[in-house]
Amino acid sequence: MSVTPPPRGRRGAKLAERLAQDIVQHISSLGLVPGDRLPSEVVMAQEWGVSRASLREALRILEVHGMISIRTGPGGGPVLSRLTSQDFARMATLHFHAAGVTFRQLLKARLTLEPRMAELAAANRTPEQVIALRANVREHRKAADIHELVRYAHDFHALVSDCAGDENRALSLMTLSLHGIFDPYQRQGGSGDVMRHTIDVHSGISDAIEEGDPRRAAELMEKHMQESAETFGQQHPTMIDSPVSWLSS
């Protein structure tokens, strides 16, 4: 599969960074999807008219950002990956850390964003999405350990974002990314009792979304976010006002 680029100038920017930008734009123009393979380094370097060292640096930039994975061995090479909200979260935490953004500030941001997503979900949900919410709550009750409890909780918020629709995908991505930043801390030090209480909370939010009650859905989500913030502060009293840690992997 060729990714031969259109001629482009690269003055004023570091070659590898500009090359990475050009590759992303061209991948998009070709309509490539996760799982598609890019040509070998040798072929790409020739097609783009750059050294293999510059191309390798550009591919490394894309790999760090989750855009591709580099497979080794026969049949290996760069393969397009499926970007997730967690990839965005990892990148964002580096900037949050450098800017001195605290966990308390992130929790306040969630308190602003997530009720709005629940409100939009109640207004825009489809019957199929309601079924998915119900299935999530049902399977969440069967969770056997903290890892499963956290996973189903995260998936619930992803489903709420899906229900909110395509009105603003940026809003959905930011909301789910902020939620995902807290997942590792819930797995490490979360309380099983607290997480099981979350199931009942999610069930109530699901009811409001199914019933098409935006106000009720937003109120319940706001209360949920307030409780989550209080719980995090109780479980991590020394972290709450510390800068967000960079999630590098």
C-alpha atoms as a PDB file:
ATOM      1  CA  MET A   1       0.000   0.000   0.000  1.00  0.00           C
ATOM      2  CA  SER A   2       1.554   3.253  -1.113  1.00  0.00           C
ATOM      3  CA  VAL A   3       1.466   6.464   0.859  1.00  0.00           C
ATOM      4  CA  THR A   4       3.306   8.530  -1.747  1.00  0.00           C
ATOM      5  CA  PRO A   5       2.872  12.146  -0.631  1.00  0.00           C
ATOM      6  CA  PRO A   6       2.070  15.237  -2.584  1.00  0.00           C
ATOM      7  CA  PRO A   7       5.045  17.621  -2.826  1.00  0.00           C
ATOM      8  CA  ARG A   8       5.276  19.715   0.345  1.00  0.00           C
ATOM      9  CA  GLY A   9       7.783  22.177   1.720  1.00  0.00           C
ATOM     10  CA  ARG A  10       9.069  21.687   5.261  1.00  0.00           C
ATOM     11  CA  ARG A  11      10.805  24.934   6.065  1.00  0.00           C
ATOM     12  CA  GLY A  12      10.415  26.391   9.530  1.00  0.00           C
ATOM     13  CA  ALA A  13       9.782  23.122  11.339  1.00  0.00           C
ATOM     14  CA  LYS A  14      11.884  20.214  12.470  1.00  0.00           C
ATOM     15  CA  LEU A  15      11.942  17.701   9.629  1.00  0.00           C
ATOM     16  CA  ALA A  16      10.744  14.656  11.590  1.00  0.00           C
ATOM     17  CA  GLU A  17       7.876  16.569  13.218  1.00  0.00           C
ATOM     18  CA  ARG A  18       6.742  18.039   9.928  1.00  0.00           C
ATOM     19  CA  LEU A  19       7.092  14.664   8.254  1.00  0.00           C
ATOM     20  CA  ALA A  20       4.941  13.064  10.973  1.00  0.00           C
ATOM     21  CA  GLN A  21       2.270  15.725  10.386  1.00  0.00           C
ATOM     22  CA  ASP A  22       2.378  15.119   6.638  1.00  0.00           C
ATOM     23  CA  ILE A  23       2.074  11.349   7.084  1.00  0.00           C
ATOM     24  CA  VAL A  24      -0.983  11.754   9.327  1.00  0.00           C
ATOM     25  CA  GLN A  25      -2.654  14.087   6.855  1.00  0.00           C
ATOM     26  CA  HIS A  26      -1.955  11.738   3.972  1.00  0.00           C
ATOM     27  CA  ILE A  27      -3.186   8.689   5.901  1.00  0.00           C
ATOM     28  CA  SER A  28      -6.434  10.570   6.488  1.00  0.00           C
ATOM     29  CA  SER A  29      -6.737  11.530   2.822  1.00  0.00           C
ATOM     30  CA  LEU A  30      -6.334   7.868   1.816  1.00  0.00           C
ATOM     31  CA  GLY A  31      -9.034   6.766   4.274  1.00  0.00           C
ATOM     32  CA  LEU A  32      -6.784   4.219   5.969  1.00  0.00           C
ATOM     33  CA  VAL A  33      -8.176   2.558   9.085  1.00  0.00           C
ATOM     34  CA  PRO A  34      -6.739   0.819  12.171  1.00  0.00           C
ATOM     35  CA  GLY A  35      -5.037  -2.418  11.179  1.00  0.00           C
ATOM     36  CA  ASP A  36      -3.897  -1.137   7.794  1.00  0.00           C
ATOM     37  CA  ARG A  37      -0.176  -1.467   7.164  1.00  0.00           C
ATOM     38  CA  LEU A  38       2.081   1.273   5.911  1.00  0.00           C
ATOM     39  CA  PRO A  39       4.949   0.482   3.510  1.00  0.00           C
ATOM     40  CA  SER A  40       8.333  -0.504   4.859  1.00  0.00           C
ATOM     41  CA  GLU A  41      10.763   2.127   6.085  1.00  0.00           C
ATOM     42  CA  VAL A  42      12.845   1.708   2.946  1.00  0.00           C
ATOM     43  CA  VAL A  43       9.883   2.276   0.639  1.00  0.00           C
ATOM     44  CA  MET A  44       8.477   5.174   2.648  1.00  0.00           C
ATOM     45  CA  ALA A  45      11.849   6.917   2.857  1.00  0.00           C
ATOM     46  CA  GLN A  46      12.177   6.687  -0.913  1.00  0.00           C
ATOM     47  CA  GLU A  47       8.628   7.856  -1.562  1.00  0.00           C
ATOM     48  CA  TRP A  48       8.899  10.806   0.798  1.00  0.00           C
ATOM     49  CA  GLY A  49      12.404  11.719  -0.287  1.00  0.00           C
ATOM     50  CA  VAL A  50      13.928  11.625   3.196  1.00  0.00           C
ATOM     51  CA  SER A  51      16.580   9.619   5.011  1.00  0.00           C
ATOM     52  CA  ARG A  52      15.591   6.482   6.901  1.00  0.00           C
ATOM     53  CA  ALA A  53      16.798   8.143  10.100  1.00  0.00           C
ATOM     54  CA  SER A  54      14.374  11.060   9.644  1.00  0.00           C
ATOM     55  CA  LEU A  55      11.542   8.718   8.706  1.00  0.00           C
ATOM     56  CA  ARG A  56      12.247   6.490  11.713  1.00  0.00           C
ATOM     57  CA  GLU A  57      12.095   9.532  14.021  1.00  0.00           C
ATOM     58  CA  ALA A  58       8.802  10.622  12.456  1.00  0.00           C
ATOM     59  CA  LEU A  59       7.322   7.138  12.916  1.00  0.00           C
ATOM     60  CA  ARG A  60       8.504   7.123  16.516  1.00  0.00           C
ATOM     61  CA  ILE A  61       6.598  10.374  17.108  1.00  0.00           C
ATOM     62  CA  LEU A  62       3.440   8.755  15.736  1.00  0.00           C
ATOM     63  CA  GLU A  63       4.024   5.636  17.842  1.00  0.00           C
ATOM     64  CA  VAL A  64       4.413   7.664  21.048  1.00  0.00           C
ATOM     65  CA  HIS A  65       1.087   9.373  20.333  1.00  0.00           C
ATOM     66  CA  GLY A  66      -0.649   6.028  19.739  1.00  0.00           C
ATOM     67  CA  MET A  67      -1.210   6.545  16.016  1.00  0.00           C
ATOM     68  CA  ILE A  68       0.786   3.497  14.909  1.00  0.00           C
ATOM     69  CA  SER A  69       2.556   0.457  16.310  1.00  0.00           C
ATOM     70  CA  ILE A  70       5.861  -0.792  14.957  1.00  0.00           C
ATOM     71  CA  ARG A  71       5.899  -4.542  14.478  1.00  0.00           C
ATOM     72  CA  THR A  72       9.201  -6.370  14.222  1.00  0.00           C
ATOM     73  CA  GLY A  73      10.197  -9.462  12.315  1.00  0.00           C
ATOM     74  CA  PRO A  74       9.032 -10.797   8.943  1.00  0.00           C
ATOM     75  CA  GLY A  75       5.924  -8.992   7.754  1.00  0.00           C
ATOM     76  CA  GLY A  76       6.453  -6.292  10.379  1.00  0.00           C
ATOM     77  CA  GLY A  77       6.596  -2.550  10.002  1.00  0.00           C
ATOM     78  CA  PRO A  78       4.285   0.353  10.854  1.00  0.00           C
ATOM     79  CA  VAL A  79       0.618  -0.545  11.397  1.00  0.00           C
ATOM     80  CA  LEU A  80      -2.169   1.912  12.098  1.00  0.00           C
ATOM     81  CA  SER A  81      -3.534   1.668  15.661  1.00  0.00           C
ATOM     82  CA  ARG A  82      -6.968   2.553  16.991  1.00  0.00           C
ATOM     83  CA  LEU A  83      -6.640   5.803  18.890  1.00  0.00           C
ATOM     84  CA  THR A  84      -8.529   5.855  22.192  1.00  0.00           C
ATOM     85  CA  SER A  85      -9.429   8.417  24.813  1.00  0.00           C
ATOM     86  CA  GLN A  86      -6.657   6.913  26.948  1.00  0.00           C
ATOM     87  CA  ASP A  87      -4.083   7.900  24.320  1.00  0.00           C
ATOM     88  CA  PHE A  88      -5.421  11.439  24.549  1.00  0.00           C
ATOM     89  CA  ALA A  89      -5.350  11.250  28.344  1.00  0.00           C
ATOM     90  CA  ARG A  90      -1.704  10.188  28.407  1.00  0.00           C
ATOM     91  CA  MET A  91      -0.743  13.114  26.203  1.00  0.00           C
ATOM     92  CA  ALA A  92      -2.875  15.522  28.230  1.00  0.00           C
ATOM     93  CA  THR A  93      -1.398  14.472  31.572  1.00  0.00           C
ATOM     94  CA  LEU A  94       2.057  15.555  30.416  1.00  0.00           C
ATOM     95  CA  HIS A  95       0.708  19.045  29.748  1.00  0.00           C
ATOM     96  CA  PHE A  96      -1.358  19.053  32.951  1.00  0.00           C
ATOM     97  CA  HIS A  97       1.720  18.101  34.959  1.00  0.00           C
ATOM     98  CA  ALA A  98       3.901  20.752  33.319  1.00  0.00           C
ATOM     99  CA  ALA A  99       1.201  23.404  33.888  1.00  0.00           C
ATOM    100  CA  GLY A 100       0.759  22.451  37.545  1.00  0.00           C
ATOM    101  CA  VAL A 101      -2.857  21.350  37.113  1.00  0.00           C
ATOM    102  CA  THR A 102      -3.962  19.530  40.273  1.00  0.00           C
ATOM    103  CA  PHE A 103      -6.184  16.498  40.720  1.00  0.00           C
ATOM    104  CA  ARG A 104      -8.719  18.743  42.466  1.00  0.00           C
ATOM    105  CA  GLN A 105      -8.874  20.967  39.395  1.00  0.00           C
ATOM    106  CA  LEU A 106      -9.429  17.963  37.136  1.00  0.00           C
ATOM    107  CA  LEU A 107     -12.234  16.772  39.375  1.00  0.00           C
ATOM    108  CA  LYS A 108     -13.847  20.211  39.118  1.00  0.00           C
ATOM    109  CA  ALA A 109     -13.536  19.998  35.341  1.00  0.00           C
ATOM    110  CA  ARG A 110     -15.337  16.658  35.400  1.00  0.00           C
ATOM    111  CA  LEU A 111     -18.034  18.223  37.568  1.00  0.00           C
ATOM    112  CA  THR A 112     -18.623  20.713  34.758  1.00  0.00           C
ATOM    113  CA  LEU A 113     -18.403  18.352  31.793  1.00  0.00           C
ATOM    114  CA  GLU A 114     -19.996  15.051  32.815  1.00  0.00           C
ATOM    115  CA  PRO A 115     -23.432  16.369  33.848  1.00  0.00           C
ATOM    116  CA  ARG A 116     -23.655  18.042  30.442  1.00  0.00           C
ATOM    117  CA  MET A 117     -22.867  14.733  28.752  1.00  0.00           C
ATOM    118  CA  ALA A 118     -25.595  13.001  30.769  1.00  0.00           C
ATOM    119  CA  GLU A 119     -28.020  15.762  29.808  1.00  0.00           C
ATOM    120  CA  LEU A 120     -27.206  15.337  26.117  1.00  0.00           C
ATOM    121  CA  ALA A 121     -27.429  11.554  26.477  1.00  0.00           C
ATOM    122  CA  ALA A 122     -30.983  11.754  27.822  1.00  0.00           C
ATOM    123  CA  ALA A 123     -31.941  13.971  24.894  1.00  0.00           C
ATOM    124  CA  ASN A 124     -30.220  12.020  22.121  1.00  0.00           C
ATOM    125  CA  ARG A 125     -30.093   8.338  23.169  1.00  0.00           C
ATOM    126  CA  THR A 126     -31.278   5.606  20.834  1.00  0.00           C
ATOM    127  CA  PRO A 127     -33.054   2.380  21.860  1.00  0.00           C
ATOM    128  CA  GLU A 128     -29.891   0.407  21.046  1.00  0.00           C
ATOM    129  CA  GLN A 129     -27.795   2.666  23.272  1.00  0.00           C
ATOM    130  CA  VAL A 130     -30.246   2.269  26.141  1.00  0.00           C
ATOM    131  CA  ILE A 131     -29.937  -1.507  25.788  1.00  0.00           C
ATOM    132  CA  ALA A 132     -26.141  -1.155  25.973  1.00  0.00           C
ATOM    133  CA  LEU A 133     -26.394   0.975  29.128  1.00  0.00           C
ATOM    134  CA  ARG A 134     -28.664  -1.588  30.743  1.00  0.00           C
ATOM    135  CA  ALA A 135     -26.318  -4.419  29.796  1.00  0.00           C
ATOM    136  CA  ASN A 136     -23.395  -2.525  31.305  1.00  0.00           C
ATOM    137  CA  VAL A 137     -25.175  -2.056  34.632  1.00  0.00           C
ATOM    138  CA  ARG A 138     -26.250  -5.709  34.649  1.00  0.00           C
ATOM    139  CA  GLU A 139     -22.733  -7.005  33.969  1.00  0.00           C
ATOM    140  CA  HIS A 140     -21.246  -4.458  36.378  1.00  0.00           C
ATOM    141  CA  ARG A 141     -23.188  -6.118  39.218  1.00  0.00           C
ATOM    142  CA  LYS A 142     -21.441  -9.397  38.390  1.00  0.00           C
ATOM    143  CA  ALA A 143     -17.928  -7.896  38.579  1.00  0.00           C
ATOM    144  CA  ALA A 144     -15.643 -10.074  40.675  1.00  0.00           C
ATOM    145  CA  ASP A 145     -12.775  -7.738  41.525  1.00  0.00           C
ATOM    146  CA  ILE A 146     -11.690  -4.111  41.591  1.00  0.00           C
ATOM    147  CA  HIS A 147     -10.284  -4.277  38.055  1.00  0.00           C
ATOM    148  CA  GLU A 148     -13.617  -5.393  36.629  1.00  0.00           C
ATOM    149  CA  LEU A 149     -15.498  -2.868  38.748  1.00  0.00           C
ATOM    150  CA  VAL A 150     -13.329  -0.037  37.397  1.00  0.00           C
ATOM    151  CA  ARG A 151     -13.560  -1.299  33.820  1.00  0.00           C
ATOM    152  CA  TYR A 152     -17.347  -1.434  33.817  1.00  0.00           C
ATOM    153  CA  ALA A 153     -17.525   1.979  35.491  1.00  0.00           C
ATOM    154  CA  HIS A 154     -15.284   3.450  32.792  1.00  0.00           C
ATOM    155  CA  ASP A 155     -17.304   1.729  30.059  1.00  0.00           C
ATOM    156  CA  PHE A 156     -20.510   3.208  31.492  1.00  0.00           C
ATOM    157  CA  HIS A 157     -19.195   6.744  31.093  1.00  0.00           C
ATOM    158  CA  ALA A 158     -18.051   5.879  27.562  1.00  0.00           C
ATOM    159  CA  LEU A 159     -21.585   4.690  26.775  1.00  0.00           C
ATOM    160  CA  VAL A 160     -23.050   7.910  28.176  1.00  0.00           C
ATOM    161  CA  SER A 161     -20.715   9.817  25.859  1.00  0.00           C
ATOM    162  CA  ASP A 162     -21.932   7.685  22.947  1.00  0.00           C
ATOM    163  CA  CYS A 163     -25.540   8.429  23.881  1.00  0.00           C
ATOM    164  CA  ALA A 164     -24.735  12.145  23.863  1.00  0.00           C
ATOM    165  CA  GLY A 165     -24.300  11.783  20.119  1.00  0.00           C
ATOM    166  CA  ASP A 166     -22.044  13.432  17.582  1.00  0.00           C
ATOM    167  CA  GLU A 167     -23.094  16.957  18.515  1.00  0.00           C
ATOM    168  CA  ASN A 168     -19.586  17.623  19.818  1.00  0.00           C
ATOM    169  CA  ARG A 169     -17.041  14.814  19.635  1.00  0.00           C
ATOM    170  CA  ALA A 170     -14.395  17.069  21.155  1.00  0.00           C
ATOM    171  CA  LEU A 171     -16.535  17.379  24.275  1.00  0.00           C
ATOM    172  CA  SER A 172     -16.969  13.615  24.418  1.00  0.00           C
ATOM    173  CA  LEU A 173     -13.246  12.960  23.981  1.00  0.00           C
ATOM    174  CA  MET A 174     -12.242  15.434  26.680  1.00  0.00           C
ATOM    175  CA  THR A 175     -14.848  14.136  29.125  1.00  0.00           C
ATOM    176  CA  LEU A 176     -13.910  10.486  28.744  1.00  0.00           C
ATOM    177  CA  SER A 177     -10.190  11.294  28.832  1.00  0.00           C
ATOM    178  CA  LEU A 178     -10.524  13.122  32.143  1.00  0.00           C
ATOM    179  CA  HIS A 179     -12.448  10.177  33.533  1.00  0.00           C
ATOM    180  CA  GLY A 180      -9.755   7.756  32.366  1.00  0.00           C
ATOM    181  CA  ILE A 181      -6.989   9.653  34.159  1.00  0.00           C
ATOM    182  CA  PHE A 182      -8.456   8.489  37.476  1.00  0.00           C
ATOM    183  CA  ASP A 183      -8.830   4.808  36.499  1.00  0.00           C
ATOM    184  CA  PRO A 184      -5.308   3.737  37.606  1.00  0.00           C
ATOM    185  CA  TYR A 185      -5.817   5.271  41.055  1.00  0.00           C
ATOM    186  CA  GLN A 186      -9.125   3.479  41.480  1.00  0.00           C
ATOM    187  CA  ARG A 187      -7.482   0.165  40.578  1.00  0.00           C
ATOM    188  CA  GLN A 188      -4.576   0.732  42.959  1.00  0.00           C
ATOM    189  CA  GLY A 189      -6.387   2.055  45.998  1.00  0.00           C
ATOM    190  CA  GLY A 190     -10.079   1.996  45.249  1.00  0.00           C
ATOM    191  CA  SER A 191     -12.637   0.578  47.641  1.00  0.00           C
ATOM    192  CA  GLY A 192     -14.736  -2.331  46.473  1.00  0.00           C
ATOM    193  CA  ASP A 193     -17.675  -1.095  48.561  1.00  0.00           C
ATOM    194  CA  VAL A 194     -17.471   2.373  47.006  1.00  0.00           C
ATOM    195  CA  MET A 195     -17.229   0.920  43.524  1.00  0.00           C
ATOM    196  CA  ARG A 196     -20.255  -1.306  44.137  1.00  0.00           C
ATOM    197  CA  HIS A 197     -22.208   1.728  45.325  1.00  0.00           C
ATOM    198  CA  THR A 198     -21.321   3.252  41.967  1.00  0.00           C
ATOM    199  CA  ILE A 199     -23.368   0.523  40.273  1.00  0.00           C
ATOM    200  CA  ASP A 200     -26.566   1.775  41.928  1.00  0.00           C
ATOM    201  CA  VAL A 201     -25.664   5.353  41.004  1.00  0.00           C
ATOM    202  CA  HIS A 202     -25.106   4.350  37.393  1.00  0.00           C
ATOM    203  CA  SER A 203     -28.399   2.480  37.383  1.00  0.00           C
ATOM    204  CA  GLY A 204     -30.229   5.654  38.401  1.00  0.00           C
ATOM    205  CA  ILE A 205     -28.471   7.702  35.728  1.00  0.00           C
ATOM    206  CA  SER A 206     -29.315   5.008  33.185  1.00  0.00           C
ATOM    207  CA  ASP A 207     -32.987   5.217  34.207  1.00  0.00           C
ATOM    208  CA  ALA A 208     -33.032   8.982  33.657  1.00  0.00           C
ATOM    209  CA  ILE A 209     -31.373   8.638  30.258  1.00  0.00           C
ATOM    210  CA  GLU A 210     -33.783   5.881  29.218  1.00  0.00           C
ATOM    211  CA  GLU A 211     -36.753   7.964  30.332  1.00  0.00           C
ATOM    212  CA  GLY A 212     -35.491  10.932  28.332  1.00  0.00           C
ATOM    213  CA  ASP A 213     -35.171  13.188  31.379  1.00  0.00           C
ATOM    214  CA  PRO A 214     -32.153  15.473  30.720  1.00  0.00           C
ATOM    215  CA  ARG A 215     -32.552  17.475  33.925  1.00  0.00           C
ATOM    216  CA  ARG A 216     -32.693  14.407  36.138  1.00  0.00           C
ATOM    217  CA  ALA A 217     -29.782  12.764  34.318  1.00  0.00           C
ATOM    218  CA  ALA A 218     -27.647  15.879  34.773  1.00  0.00           C
ATOM    219  CA  GLU A 219     -28.562  16.207  38.464  1.00  0.00           C
ATOM    220  CA  LEU A 220     -27.694  12.584  39.186  1.00  0.00           C
ATOM    221  CA  MET A 221     -24.421  12.826  37.283  1.00  0.00           C
ATOM    222  CA  GLU A 222     -23.491  16.030  39.116  1.00  0.00           C
ATOM    223  CA  LYS A 223     -24.115  14.328  42.456  1.00  0.00           C
ATOM    224  CA  HIS A 224     -22.092  11.341  41.255  1.00  0.00           C
ATOM    225  CA  MET A 225     -19.152  13.587  40.315  1.00  0.00           C
ATOM    226  CA  GLN A 226     -19.302  15.381  43.665  1.00  0.00           C
ATOM    227  CA  GLU A 227     -19.228  12.052  45.499  1.00  0.00           C
ATOM    228  CA  SER A 228     -16.361  10.853  43.313  1.00  0.00           C
ATOM    229  CA  ALA A 229     -14.354  13.977  44.110  1.00  0.00           C
ATOM    230  CA  GLU A 230     -14.972  13.586  47.844  1.00  0.00           C
ATOM    231  CA  THR A 231     -14.001   9.901  47.718  1.00  0.00           C
ATOM    232  CA  PHE A 232     -10.784  10.632  45.837  1.00  0.00           C
ATOM    233  CA  GLY A 233      -9.872  13.296  48.372  1.00  0.00           C
ATOM    234  CA  GLN A 234     -10.472  10.878  51.251  1.00  0.00           C
ATOM    235  CA  GLN A 235      -8.516   8.039  49.643  1.00  0.00           C
ATOM    236  CA  HIS A 236      -5.662  10.246  48.394  1.00  0.00           C
ATOM    237  CA  PRO A 237      -5.424  13.192  50.807  1.00  0.00           C
ATOM    238  CA  THR A 238      -1.795  13.925  49.939  1.00  0.00           C
ATOM    239  CA  MET A 239      -2.445  13.865  46.184  1.00  0.00           C
ATOM    240  CA  ILE A 240      -5.628  15.911  45.809  1.00  0.00           C
ATOM    241  CA  ASP A 241      -3.795  19.254  45.592  1.00  0.00           C
ATOM    242  CA  SER A 242      -0.687  17.888  43.876  1.00  0.00           C
ATOM    243  CA  PRO A 243       0.033  18.286  40.177  1.00  0.00           C
ATOM    244  CA  VAL A 244      -1.424  15.553  37.978  1.00  0.00           C
ATOM    245  CA  SER A 245       1.082  12.784  37.321  1.00  0.00           C
ATOM    246  CA  TRP A 246       2.167  12.105  33.770  1.00  0.00           C
ATOM    247  CA  LEU A 247       0.700   8.787  32.609  1.00  0.00           C
ATOM    248  CA  SER A 248       3.507   7.786  30.291  1.00  0.00           C
ATOM    249  CA  SER A 249       2.192   4.310  29.529  1.00  0.00           C
END
